C-alpha atoms as a PDB file:
ATOM      1  CA  MET A   1     -32.184 -19.639  34.122  1.00  0.00           C
ATOM      2  CA  ARG A   2     -29.695 -21.958  32.464  1.00  0.00           C
ATOM      3  CA  ILE A   3     -31.460 -21.588  29.105  1.00  0.00           C
ATOM      4  CA  GLN A   4     -31.262 -17.799  29.381  1.00  0.00           C
ATOM      5  CA  LEU A   5     -27.536 -17.996  30.095  1.00  0.00           C
ATOM      6  CA  LEU A   6     -27.017 -20.261  27.097  1.00  0.00           C
ATOM      7  CA  ARG A   7     -28.992 -17.873  24.868  1.00  0.00           C
ATOM      8  CA  ALA A   8     -26.987 -14.901  26.160  1.00  0.00           C
ATOM      9  CA  ALA A   9     -23.738 -16.761  25.503  1.00  0.00           C
ATOM     10  CA  GLY A  10     -24.967 -17.580  21.998  1.00  0.00           C
ATOM     11  CA  VAL A  11     -25.797 -13.943  21.301  1.00  0.00           C
ATOM     12  CA  VAL A  12     -22.378 -12.840  22.567  1.00  0.00           C
ATOM     13  CA  SER A  13     -20.739 -15.461  20.332  1.00  0.00           C
ATOM     14  CA  LEU A  14     -22.688 -14.254  17.300  1.00  0.00           C
ATOM     15  CA  VAL A  15     -21.764 -10.642  17.988  1.00  0.00           C
ATOM     16  CA  ALA A  16     -18.097 -11.621  18.356  1.00  0.00           C
ATOM     17  CA  LEU A  17     -18.250 -13.570  15.093  1.00  0.00           C
ATOM     18  CA  ALA A  18     -19.878 -10.642  13.292  1.00  0.00           C
ATOM     19  CA  LEU A  19     -17.178  -8.272  14.541  1.00  0.00           C
ATOM     20  CA  ALA A  20     -14.441 -10.691  13.496  1.00  0.00           C
ATOM     21  CA  VAL A  21     -15.893 -11.034  10.000  1.00  0.00           C
ATOM     22  CA  ALA A  22     -16.159  -7.265   9.701  1.00  0.00           C
ATOM     23  CA  PHE A  23     -12.641  -6.430  10.893  1.00  0.00           C
ATOM     24  CA  VAL A  24     -10.391  -9.347   9.950  1.00  0.00           C
ATOM     25  CA  PRO A  25      -9.915  -8.218   6.320  1.00  0.00           C
ATOM     26  CA  HIS A  26      -8.854  -4.758   7.510  1.00  0.00           C
ATOM     27  CA  LEU A  27      -6.494  -6.181  10.096  1.00  0.00           C
ATOM     28  CA  ALA A  28      -5.007  -8.603   7.603  1.00  0.00           C
ATOM     29  CA  GLY A  29      -4.290  -5.805   5.154  1.00  0.00           C
ATOM     30  CA  ALA A  30      -2.721  -3.666   7.843  1.00  0.00           C
ATOM     31  CA  GLN A  31      -0.516  -6.471   9.130  1.00  0.00           C
ATOM     32  CA  THR A  32       0.667  -7.658   5.759  1.00  0.00           C
ATOM     33  CA  GLY A  33       1.071  -4.212   4.279  1.00  0.00           C
ATOM     34  CA  GLY A  34      -1.178  -5.233   1.439  1.00  0.00           C
ATOM     35  CA  PRO A  35      -2.142  -2.686  -1.172  1.00  0.00           C
ATOM     36  CA  THR A  36      -5.415  -1.798   0.570  1.00  0.00           C
ATOM     37  CA  ALA A  37      -3.860  -1.337   4.030  1.00  0.00           C
ATOM     38  CA  ASN A  38      -3.548   2.443   3.824  1.00  0.00           C
ATOM     39  CA  PHE A  39      -6.066   3.237   1.107  1.00  0.00           C
ATOM     40  CA  HIS A  40      -7.904   5.841   3.168  1.00  0.00           C
ATOM     41  CA  ALA A  41      -4.685   7.527   4.274  1.00  0.00           C
ATOM     42  CA  ILE A  42      -3.698   7.966   0.620  1.00  0.00           C
ATOM     43  CA  ASP A  43      -7.220   9.020  -0.449  1.00  0.00           C
ATOM     44  CA  THR A  44      -6.835  12.586   0.794  1.00  0.00           C
ATOM     45  CA  ASP A  45      -9.927  13.970  -0.938  1.00  0.00           C
ATOM     46  CA  GLY A  46     -12.136  11.193   0.441  1.00  0.00           C
ATOM     47  CA  ASP A  47     -13.712  10.220  -2.894  1.00  0.00           C
ATOM     48  CA  ALA A  48     -12.957   6.495  -2.383  1.00  0.00           C
ATOM     49  CA  LYS A  49     -10.581   6.560  -5.367  1.00  0.00           C
ATOM     50  CA  LEU A  50      -6.858   7.065  -5.694  1.00  0.00           C
ATOM     51  CA  ASP A  51      -5.741   9.315  -8.527  1.00  0.00           C
ATOM     52  CA  ARG A  52      -2.281  10.111  -9.863  1.00  0.00           C
ATOM     53  CA  SER A  53      -1.780  13.103  -7.591  1.00  0.00           C
ATOM     54  CA  GLU A  54      -2.687  11.152  -4.436  1.00  0.00           C
ATOM     55  CA  LEU A  55      -0.435   8.245  -5.411  1.00  0.00           C
ATOM     56  CA  SER A  56       2.405  10.593  -6.277  1.00  0.00           C
ATOM     57  CA  ALA A  57       2.045  12.454  -2.958  1.00  0.00           C
ATOM     58  CA  ALA A  58       2.100   9.173  -1.004  1.00  0.00           C
ATOM     59  CA  ALA A  59       5.176   8.046  -2.949  1.00  0.00           C
ATOM     60  CA  GLY A  60       6.842  11.382  -2.189  1.00  0.00           C
ATOM     61  CA  ARG A  61       6.237  10.923   1.536  1.00  0.00           C
ATOM     62  CA  ASP A  62       7.695   7.429   1.348  1.00  0.00           C
ATOM     63  CA  PHE A  63      10.669   8.626  -0.668  1.00  0.00           C
ATOM     64  CA  ALA A  64      11.569  11.054   2.118  1.00  0.00           C
ATOM     65  CA  ARG A  65      11.527   8.216   4.653  1.00  0.00           C
ATOM     66  CA  LEU A  66      13.408   5.754   2.446  1.00  0.00           C
ATOM     67  CA  ASP A  67      16.199   8.196   1.550  1.00  0.00           C
ATOM     68  CA  ALA A  68      18.302   7.244   4.580  1.00  0.00           C
ATOM     69  CA  ASP A  69      21.258   9.514   3.835  1.00  0.00           C
ATOM     70  CA  ARG A  70      19.042  12.417   2.685  1.00  0.00           C
ATOM     71  CA  ASP A  71      20.972  12.924  -0.526  1.00  0.00           C
ATOM     72  CA  GLY A  72      17.854  13.069  -2.707  1.00  0.00           C
ATOM     73  CA  TYR A  73      18.400   9.631  -4.241  1.00  0.00           C
ATOM     74  CA  LEU A  74      17.549   6.029  -3.462  1.00  0.00           C
ATOM     75  CA  THR A  75      20.208   3.427  -4.076  1.00  0.00           C
ATOM     76  CA  ARG A  76      19.728  -0.309  -4.368  1.00  0.00           C
ATOM     77  CA  GLY A  77      21.421  -0.565  -0.988  1.00  0.00           C
ATOM     78  CA  GLU A  78      18.925   1.765   0.671  1.00  0.00           C
ATOM     79  CA  LEU A  79      16.016  -0.113  -0.849  1.00  0.00           C
ATOM     80  CA  ALA A  80      17.459  -3.522   0.030  1.00  0.00           C
ATOM     81  CA  LYS A  81      17.602  -2.485   3.693  1.00  0.00           C
ATOM     82  CA  THR A  82      13.897  -1.738   3.644  1.00  0.00           C
ATOM     83  CA  ARG A  83      12.390  -4.922   5.042  1.00  0.00           C
ATOM     84  CA  SER A  84       9.092  -3.459   6.176  1.00  0.00           C
ATOM     85  CA  THR A  85       6.532  -1.831   4.005  1.00  0.00           C
ATOM     86  CA  SER A  86       6.626   1.871   3.522  1.00  0.00           C
ATOM     87  CA  LEU A  87       4.328   4.190   5.427  1.00  0.00           C
ATOM     88  CA  TYR A  88       1.698   4.294   2.701  1.00  0.00           C
ATOM     89  CA  LEU A  89       2.734   1.934  -0.044  1.00  0.00           C
ATOM     90  CA  PRO A  90       3.311  -1.797   0.143  1.00  0.00           C
ATOM     91  CA  PHE A  91       6.407  -2.345  -1.896  1.00  0.00           C
ATOM     92  CA  PRO A  92       9.490  -0.127  -1.732  1.00  0.00           C
ATOM     93  CA  GLY A  93      11.616  -3.267  -1.442  1.00  0.00           C
ATOM     94  CA  ARG A  94      10.440  -4.430  -4.850  1.00  0.00           C
ATOM     95  CA  PHE A  95      12.760  -1.872  -6.440  1.00  0.00           C
ATOM     96  CA  SER A  96      15.804  -3.528  -4.875  1.00  0.00           C
ATOM     97  CA  SER A  97      15.959  -6.192  -7.613  1.00  0.00           C
ATOM     98  CA  ALA A  98      18.247  -5.258 -10.489  1.00  0.00           C
ATOM     99  CA  ALA A  99      15.526  -5.363 -13.148  1.00  0.00           C
ATOM    100  CA  ALA A 100      12.974  -3.362 -11.164  1.00  0.00           C
ATOM    101  CA  PHE A 101      15.604  -0.846 -10.105  1.00  0.00           C
ATOM    102  CA  SER A 102      16.747  -0.348 -13.699  1.00  0.00           C
ATOM    103  CA  ALA A 103      13.157   0.102 -14.859  1.00  0.00           C
ATOM    104  CA  ALA A 104      12.601   2.802 -12.228  1.00  0.00           C
ATOM    105  CA  ASP A 105      15.982   4.450 -12.914  1.00  0.00           C
ATOM    106  CA  THR A 106      14.850   6.030 -16.168  1.00  0.00           C
ATOM    107  CA  ASP A 107      17.902   8.256 -16.623  1.00  0.00           C
ATOM    108  CA  GLY A 108      20.298   5.339 -16.028  1.00  0.00           C
ATOM    109  CA  ASP A 109      22.459   7.108 -13.443  1.00  0.00           C
ATOM    110  CA  GLY A 110      22.408   4.161 -11.012  1.00  0.00           C
ATOM    111  CA  LYS A 111      20.103   5.813  -8.486  1.00  0.00           C
ATOM    112  CA  ILE A 112      16.420   6.704  -8.254  1.00  0.00           C
ATOM    113  CA  ASP A 113      15.473  10.303  -7.601  1.00  0.00           C
ATOM    114  CA  LYS A 114      12.132  11.395  -6.148  1.00  0.00           C
ATOM    115  CA  ARG A 115      10.576  12.019  -9.563  1.00  0.00           C
ATOM    116  CA  GLU A 116      11.597   8.565 -10.810  1.00  0.00           C
ATOM    117  CA  TYR A 117      10.326   6.877  -7.644  1.00  0.00           C
ATOM    118  CA  GLU A 118       6.978   8.668  -7.777  1.00  0.00           C
ATOM    119  CA  ALA A 119       6.566   7.811 -11.469  1.00  0.00           C
ATOM    120  CA  ALA A 120       7.420   4.133 -10.886  1.00  0.00           C
ATOM    121  CA  VAL A 121       4.979   3.860  -7.984  1.00  0.00           C
ATOM    122  CA  VAL A 122       2.182   5.547  -9.941  1.00  0.00           C
ATOM    123  CA  ARG A 123       2.836   3.237 -12.939  1.00  0.00           C
ATOM    124  CA  ALA A 124       2.744   0.149 -10.720  1.00  0.00           C
ATOM    125  CA  TYR A 125      -0.520   1.154  -9.084  1.00  0.00           C
ATOM    126  CA  LEU A 126      -2.258   2.324 -12.246  1.00  0.00           C
ATOM    127  CA  ALA A 127      -1.424  -1.021 -13.854  1.00  0.00           C
ATOM    128  CA  CYS A 128      -4.067  -2.332 -11.429  1.00  0.00           C
ATOM    129  CA  ASP A 129      -6.756  -0.007 -12.808  1.00  0.00           C
ATOM    130  CA  ARG A 130      -9.212  -2.613 -14.094  1.00  0.00           C
ATOM    131  CA  ASN A 131     -11.669  -0.229 -15.755  1.00  0.00           C
ATOM    132  CA  HIS A 132      -8.925   2.077 -17.112  1.00  0.00           C
ATOM    133  CA  ASP A 133     -10.475   5.272 -15.746  1.00  0.00           C
ATOM    134  CA  GLY A 134      -7.168   6.549 -14.356  1.00  0.00           C
ATOM    135  CA  THR A 135      -8.158   6.004 -10.735  1.00  0.00           C
ATOM    136  CA  LEU A 136      -8.035   3.089  -8.335  1.00  0.00           C
ATOM    137  CA  GLU A 137     -10.744   1.820  -6.064  1.00  0.00           C
ATOM    138  CA  VAL A 138     -10.287  -0.676  -3.247  1.00  0.00           C
ATOM    139  CA  SER A 139     -11.725  -3.388  -5.499  1.00  0.00           C
ATOM    140  CA  ASP A 140      -8.981  -2.737  -8.065  1.00  0.00           C
ATOM    141  CA  LEU A 141      -6.321  -3.236  -5.429  1.00  0.00           C
ATOM    142  CA  ARG A 142      -7.864  -6.386  -4.037  1.00  0.00           C
ATOM    143  CA  HIS A 143      -7.488  -8.004  -7.460  1.00  0.00           C
ATOM    144  CA  CYS A 144      -3.942  -6.813  -8.005  1.00  0.00           C
ATOM    145  CA  SER A 145      -0.643  -8.266  -6.930  1.00  0.00           C
ATOM    146  CA  LEU A 146       1.721  -5.437  -6.100  1.00  0.00           C
END
Protein backbone atom coordinates (compact mmCIF):
# COMPACT_ATOMS: atom_id res chain seq x y z
CA MET A 1 0.00 0.00 0.00
CA ARG A 2 2.79 2.39 0.90
CA ILE A 3 4.57 1.69 -2.40
CA GLN A 4 1.38 2.47 -4.32
CA LEU A 5 1.02 5.77 -2.48
CA LEU A 6 4.63 6.67 -3.25
CA ARG A 7 4.12 5.82 -6.94
CA ALA A 8 0.93 7.90 -7.05
CA ALA A 9 2.73 10.82 -5.42
CA GLY A 10 5.53 10.45 -7.97
CA VAL A 11 3.08 10.50 -10.86
CA VAL A 12 1.36 13.59 -9.46
CA SER A 13 4.76 15.28 -9.09
CA LEU A 14 5.67 14.46 -12.69
CA VAL A 15 2.36 15.79 -13.96
CA ALA A 16 2.83 18.99 -11.95
CA LEU A 17 6.36 19.37 -13.31
CA ALA A 18 5.16 18.83 -16.88
CA LEU A 19 2.46 21.48 -16.45
CA ALA A 20 4.95 23.92 -14.96
CA VAL A 21 7.37 23.42 -17.85
CA ALA A 22 4.56 23.92 -20.34
CA PHE A 23 3.09 27.08 -18.80
CA VAL A 24 5.94 28.94 -17.09
CA PRO A 25 7.22 30.57 -20.32
CA HIS A 26 3.72 31.87 -21.09
CA LEU A 27 3.24 33.15 -17.57
CA ALA A 28 6.64 34.80 -17.56
CA GLY A 29 5.88 36.63 -20.78
CA ALA A 30 2.52 37.78 -19.50
CA GLN A 31 3.92 39.02 -16.21
CA THR A 32 6.88 40.84 -17.67
CA GLY A 33 5.02 42.23 -20.64
CA GLY A 34 7.60 40.68 -22.90
CA PRO A 35 7.17 40.92 -26.64
CA THR A 36 5.49 37.51 -26.90
CA ALA A 37 2.99 38.13 -24.08
CA ASN A 38 0.10 39.15 -26.32
CA PHE A 39 1.17 37.64 -29.62
CA HIS A 40 -2.11 35.81 -30.17
CA ALA A 41 -4.19 38.86 -29.29
CA ILE A 42 -2.36 40.85 -31.96
CA ASP A 43 -2.47 37.99 -34.50
CA THR A 44 -6.07 38.65 -35.51
CA ASP A 45 -6.05 36.43 -38.60
CA GLY A 46 -4.63 33.48 -36.67
CA ASP A 47 -1.80 32.71 -39.11
CA ALA A 48 0.84 32.63 -36.33
CA LYS A 49 2.54 35.69 -37.85
CA LEU A 50 2.25 39.39 -37.19
CA ASP A 51 2.15 41.61 -40.26
CA ARG A 52 2.24 45.38 -40.61
CA SER A 53 -1.52 45.78 -40.48
CA GLU A 54 -1.86 43.73 -37.27
CA LEU A 55 1.00 45.61 -35.60
CA SER A 56 -0.41 48.94 -36.70
CA ALA A 57 -3.89 48.04 -35.40
CA ALA A 58 -2.46 46.99 -32.02
CA ALA A 59 -0.46 50.22 -31.84
CA GLY A 60 -3.61 52.19 -32.67
CA ARG A 61 -5.49 50.54 -29.80
CA ASP A 62 -2.62 51.35 -27.45
CA PHE A 63 -2.42 54.92 -28.71
CA ALA A 64 -6.06 55.45 -27.73
CA ARG A 65 -5.33 54.23 -24.20
CA LEU A 66 -2.08 56.17 -23.83
CA ASP A 67 -3.55 59.48 -25.02
CA ALA A 68 -4.67 60.49 -21.52
CA ASP A 69 -6.09 63.89 -22.45
CA ARG A 70 -7.66 62.62 -25.70
CA ASP A 71 -6.16 65.40 -27.78
CA GLY A 72 -4.89 63.05 -30.50
CA TYR A 73 -1.24 63.37 -29.49
CA LEU A 74 1.18 61.72 -27.09
CA THR A 75 3.56 63.94 -25.19
CA ARG A 76 6.72 62.91 -23.40
CA GLY A 77 4.85 63.56 -20.18
CA GLU A 78 2.04 61.16 -21.08
CA LEU A 79 4.52 58.48 -22.07
CA ALA A 80 6.67 59.01 -18.97
CA LYS A 81 3.63 58.34 -16.78
CA THR A 82 3.15 54.98 -18.44
CA ARG A 83 4.87 52.62 -16.03
CA SER A 84 3.09 49.45 -17.08
CA THR A 85 3.17 47.89 -20.48
CA SER A 86 0.51 48.77 -22.95
CA LEU A 87 -2.44 46.49 -23.60
CA TYR A 88 -0.81 44.75 -26.55
CA LEU A 89 2.70 46.05 -26.91
CA PRO A 90 5.55 45.89 -24.42
CA PHE A 91 7.15 49.27 -24.64
CA PRO A 92 5.21 52.54 -24.82
CA GLY A 93 7.49 53.92 -22.10
CA ARG A 94 10.50 53.51 -24.36
CA PHE A 95 9.38 56.59 -26.29
CA SER A 96 9.68 58.76 -23.18
CA SER A 97 13.45 59.17 -23.64
CA ALA A 98 14.40 62.27 -25.61
CA ALA A 99 16.15 60.39 -28.41
CA ALA A 100 13.42 57.79 -28.90
CA PHE A 101 10.71 60.44 -28.72
CA SER A 102 12.46 62.58 -31.34
CA ALA A 103 12.89 59.57 -33.62
CA ALA A 104 9.16 58.82 -33.38
CA ASP A 105 8.19 62.49 -33.77
CA THR A 106 8.92 62.57 -37.49
CA ASP A 107 7.36 65.98 -38.14
CA GLY A 108 9.27 67.57 -35.23
CA ASP A 109 6.25 69.24 -33.63
CA GLY A 110 7.12 68.02 -30.11
CA LYS A 111 4.33 65.45 -29.92
CA ILE A 112 3.56 62.06 -31.44
CA ASP A 113 0.33 61.62 -33.33
CA LYS A 114 -1.35 58.26 -33.95
CA ARG A 115 0.26 57.82 -37.37
CA GLU A 116 3.74 58.50 -35.98
CA TYR A 117 3.19 56.15 -33.03
CA GLU A 118 1.92 53.34 -35.24
CA ALA A 119 4.85 53.78 -37.65
CA ALA A 120 7.41 53.78 -34.81
CA VAL A 121 5.92 50.65 -33.26
CA VAL A 122 5.83 48.82 -36.60
CA ARG A 123 9.46 49.84 -37.30
CA ALA A 124 10.58 48.61 -33.88
CA TYR A 125 8.87 45.26 -34.28
CA LEU A 126 9.88 44.67 -37.88
CA ALA A 127 13.50 45.29 -36.89
CA CYS A 128 13.14 41.91 -35.16
CA ASP A 129 12.18 40.14 -38.40
CA ARG A 130 15.09 37.70 -38.64
CA ASN A 131 14.25 36.24 -42.06
CA HIS A 132 13.17 39.61 -43.53
CA ASP A 133 9.84 38.34 -44.85
CA GLY A 134 7.91 41.33 -43.49
CA THR A 135 6.17 39.32 -40.77
CA LEU A 136 7.04 38.28 -37.25
CA GLU A 137 6.74 34.88 -35.68
CA VAL A 138 7.01 34.12 -31.98
CA SER A 139 10.56 32.88 -32.55
CA ASP A 140 11.54 36.28 -33.98
CA LEU A 141 10.28 38.01 -30.86
CA ARG A 142 11.98 35.61 -28.49
CA HIS A 143 15.33 36.60 -30.00
CA CYS A 144 14.63 40.31 -29.96
CA SER A 145 15.06 42.89 -27.25
CA LEU A 146 12.26 45.41 -27.51
